[in-house]
Amino acid sequence: MWAANFVRTKHIKYNKLINTAANSKIYGLIFFIILGGFSFSYYKFQKYEPTVLHQVQDVKGVESTRSPDVPYPQNIEKIGLSRTLHGEQTTYQVSMTKEEVRDFYYSTFQNKRWEVESEGRYDDFIISKYKSLDKLITVIAFDLSDSDKTLVSIEISPR
């Protein structure tokens, strides 16, 4: 009986040893397959050359998105155009005083039958709001202290 248990125990240990060796071969094979996949990916990544995009020379986005309701004075230098949740805002510089900018927009909008909703005059800037049936236009003119130009911001929003 003792001998039978000894032989059976040795047989079980031998089978576990064989299974462990077979598992090691499988794990080793899986390891080398994964390592090969990573190596191939790294090689392809190193050889990748993206296509060169050509710069578009003739972009007219600022002019085409401008509202036809808002004219601009002569010789302006556009600084930016952005769309907000409330509408569209355009910023530019012009060689006029803030009072001249205010007078320009006042006469322009009066000719188009817009109403002045409000106007505020301060030391450094003037805020004017003009309204129509469906739009509100806010014009802010800032005196720039370091130059003879005025910074103008115009926001167009629905009412």
Protein backbone atom coordinates (compact mmCIF):
# COMPACT_ATOMS: atom_id res chain seq x y z
CA MET A 1 0.00 0.00 0.00
CA TRP A 2 2.76 2.36 0.87
CA ALA A 3 4.50 1.59 -2.42
CA ALA A 4 1.31 2.14 -4.43
CA ASN A 5 0.83 5.57 -2.85
CA PHE A 6 4.48 6.43 -3.55
CA VAL A 7 4.20 5.45 -7.23
CA ARG A 8 0.89 7.30 -7.60
CA THR A 9 2.35 10.46 -5.97
CA LYS A 10 5.40 10.32 -8.24
CA HIS A 11 3.12 9.85 -11.26
CA ILE A 12 0.99 12.91 -10.31
CA LYS A 13 4.11 15.05 -9.79
CA TYR A 14 5.48 13.85 -13.13
CA ASN A 15 2.21 14.77 -14.91
CA LYS A 16 2.22 18.23 -13.28
CA LEU A 17 5.80 18.68 -14.43
CA ILE A 18 4.85 17.73 -17.99
CA ASN A 19 1.80 20.05 -17.92
CA THR A 20 3.94 22.88 -16.54
CA ALA A 21 6.46 22.38 -19.32
CA ALA A 22 3.69 22.36 -21.96
CA ASN A 23 2.19 25.52 -20.44
CA SER A 24 5.59 27.19 -20.46
CA LYS A 25 5.95 26.44 -24.17
CA ILE A 26 2.50 27.91 -24.85
CA TYR A 27 3.21 30.99 -22.74
CA GLY A 28 6.57 31.42 -24.44
CA LEU A 29 4.97 31.16 -27.88
CA ILE A 30 2.30 33.74 -26.93
CA PHE A 31 5.01 36.03 -25.54
CA PHE A 32 7.02 35.92 -28.77
CA ILE A 33 3.91 36.50 -30.91
CA ILE A 34 3.02 39.60 -28.87
CA LEU A 35 6.63 40.79 -28.92
CA GLY A 36 6.67 40.34 -32.69
CA GLY A 37 3.44 42.36 -33.02
CA PHE A 38 4.87 45.20 -30.94
CA SER A 39 8.11 45.15 -32.92
CA PHE A 40 6.24 45.26 -36.23
CA SER A 41 4.06 48.17 -34.99
CA TYR A 42 7.14 50.08 -33.82
CA TYR A 43 8.86 49.53 -37.17
CA LYS A 44 5.80 50.75 -39.12
CA PHE A 45 5.47 53.78 -36.82
CA GLN A 46 9.12 54.73 -37.40
CA LYS A 47 8.70 54.49 -41.19
CA TYR A 48 5.42 56.48 -41.28
CA GLU A 49 5.60 59.69 -43.31
CA PRO A 50 2.41 61.79 -43.34
CA THR A 51 1.32 63.41 -46.55
CA VAL A 52 2.12 67.09 -46.81
CA LEU A 53 -0.96 69.30 -46.96
CA HIS A 54 -0.87 72.31 -49.24
CA GLN A 55 -1.73 75.69 -47.77
CA VAL A 56 -4.81 77.35 -49.19
CA GLN A 57 -3.77 80.80 -50.35
CA ASP A 58 -7.15 82.37 -51.07
CA VAL A 59 -9.26 82.23 -47.89
CA LYS A 60 -12.27 84.52 -47.89
CA GLY A 61 -14.03 83.37 -44.73
CA VAL A 62 -14.03 86.75 -42.99
CA GLU A 63 -15.62 88.58 -45.90
CA SER A 64 -18.20 85.91 -46.68
CA THR A 65 -19.45 85.61 -43.08
CA ARG A 66 -19.77 89.36 -42.52
CA SER A 67 -23.26 90.65 -41.93
CA PRO A 68 -24.48 92.87 -44.77
CA ASP A 69 -26.20 95.13 -42.19
CA VAL A 70 -22.93 96.48 -40.80
CA PRO A 71 -20.75 98.71 -42.97
CA TYR A 72 -17.15 99.47 -42.11
CA PRO A 73 -15.31 102.77 -42.46
CA GLN A 74 -12.57 103.13 -45.08
CA ASN A 75 -9.03 101.83 -44.39
CA ILE A 76 -9.71 99.52 -41.49
CA GLU A 77 -7.33 96.85 -40.23
CA LYS A 78 -9.30 93.76 -39.21
CA ILE A 79 -8.05 92.09 -36.08
CA GLY A 80 -10.53 89.30 -35.54
CA LEU A 81 -13.87 87.71 -36.23
CA SER A 82 -15.48 85.28 -33.85
CA ARG A 83 -18.81 83.57 -33.46
CA THR A 84 -20.23 83.48 -29.96
CA LEU A 85 -23.35 81.98 -28.44
CA HIS A 86 -25.00 85.35 -28.85
CA GLY A 87 -24.00 86.08 -32.45
CA GLU A 88 -20.94 87.35 -34.29
CA GLN A 89 -18.24 89.76 -33.15
CA THR A 90 -15.83 91.66 -35.39
CA THR A 91 -12.86 93.66 -34.11
CA TYR A 92 -10.82 96.13 -36.14
CA GLN A 93 -8.58 99.21 -35.87
CA VAL A 94 -9.20 102.43 -37.72
CA SER A 95 -7.51 105.84 -37.97
CA MET A 96 -10.49 107.72 -36.55
CA THR A 97 -11.37 108.99 -33.11
CA LYS A 98 -13.95 107.18 -31.02
CA GLU A 99 -16.35 110.09 -31.59
CA GLU A 100 -15.91 109.83 -35.37
CA VAL A 101 -16.61 106.08 -35.19
CA ARG A 102 -19.73 106.77 -33.12
CA ASP A 103 -20.91 109.42 -35.61
CA PHE A 104 -20.23 107.11 -38.57
CA TYR A 105 -22.40 104.33 -37.16
CA TYR A 106 -25.07 106.71 -35.85
CA SER A 107 -25.62 108.25 -39.29
CA THR A 108 -25.40 104.87 -41.04
CA PHE A 109 -27.98 103.20 -38.83
CA GLN A 110 -30.28 106.24 -38.81
CA ASN A 111 -30.37 106.08 -42.62
CA LYS A 112 -31.34 102.40 -42.40
CA ARG A 113 -34.08 103.21 -39.87
CA TRP A 114 -32.45 101.47 -36.92
CA GLU A 115 -33.22 102.80 -33.45
CA VAL A 116 -30.64 103.75 -30.84
CA GLU A 117 -31.32 101.47 -27.90
CA SER A 118 -28.68 102.95 -25.60
CA GLU A 119 -25.46 104.89 -25.61
CA GLY A 120 -22.76 105.33 -23.00
CA ARG A 121 -19.79 107.70 -23.12
CA TYR A 122 -16.81 107.10 -20.87
CA ASP A 123 -13.25 108.42 -20.67
CA ASP A 124 -11.67 105.71 -22.84
CA PHE A 125 -14.58 104.27 -24.83
CA ILE A 126 -18.09 104.76 -26.21
CA ILE A 127 -20.74 102.03 -26.28
CA SER A 128 -23.67 102.36 -28.69
CA LYS A 129 -26.47 99.83 -29.19
CA TYR A 130 -28.72 99.88 -32.24
CA LYS A 131 -31.80 97.71 -32.68
CA SER A 132 -34.01 96.61 -35.51
CA LEU A 133 -36.95 94.22 -35.47
CA ASP A 134 -34.76 91.11 -35.33
CA LYS A 135 -31.18 92.21 -34.50
CA LEU A 136 -29.20 94.10 -31.92
CA ILE A 137 -25.84 95.62 -32.88
CA THR A 138 -23.43 96.76 -30.18
CA VAL A 139 -20.56 99.05 -31.23
CA ILE A 140 -17.74 99.69 -28.75
CA ALA A 141 -15.00 102.17 -29.72
CA PHE A 142 -11.82 102.34 -27.58
CA ASP A 143 -9.16 105.03 -27.78
CA LEU A 144 -5.74 103.40 -27.93
CA SER A 145 -3.37 105.44 -25.76
CA ASP A 146 -0.18 104.43 -27.58
CA SER A 147 -1.34 105.26 -31.14
CA ASP A 148 -3.66 107.49 -33.14
CA LYS A 149 -5.97 104.58 -33.91
CA THR A 150 -9.23 103.46 -32.38
CA LEU A 151 -10.10 99.86 -31.59
CA VAL A 152 -13.67 99.01 -32.59
CA SER A 153 -15.66 95.93 -31.60
CA ILE A 154 -19.02 95.21 -33.24
CA GLU A 155 -21.29 92.45 -31.97
CA ILE A 156 -24.35 91.38 -33.94
CA SER A 157 -26.89 89.32 -32.05
CA PRO A 158 -30.49 88.28 -32.54
CA ARG A 159 -33.16 89.96 -30.42
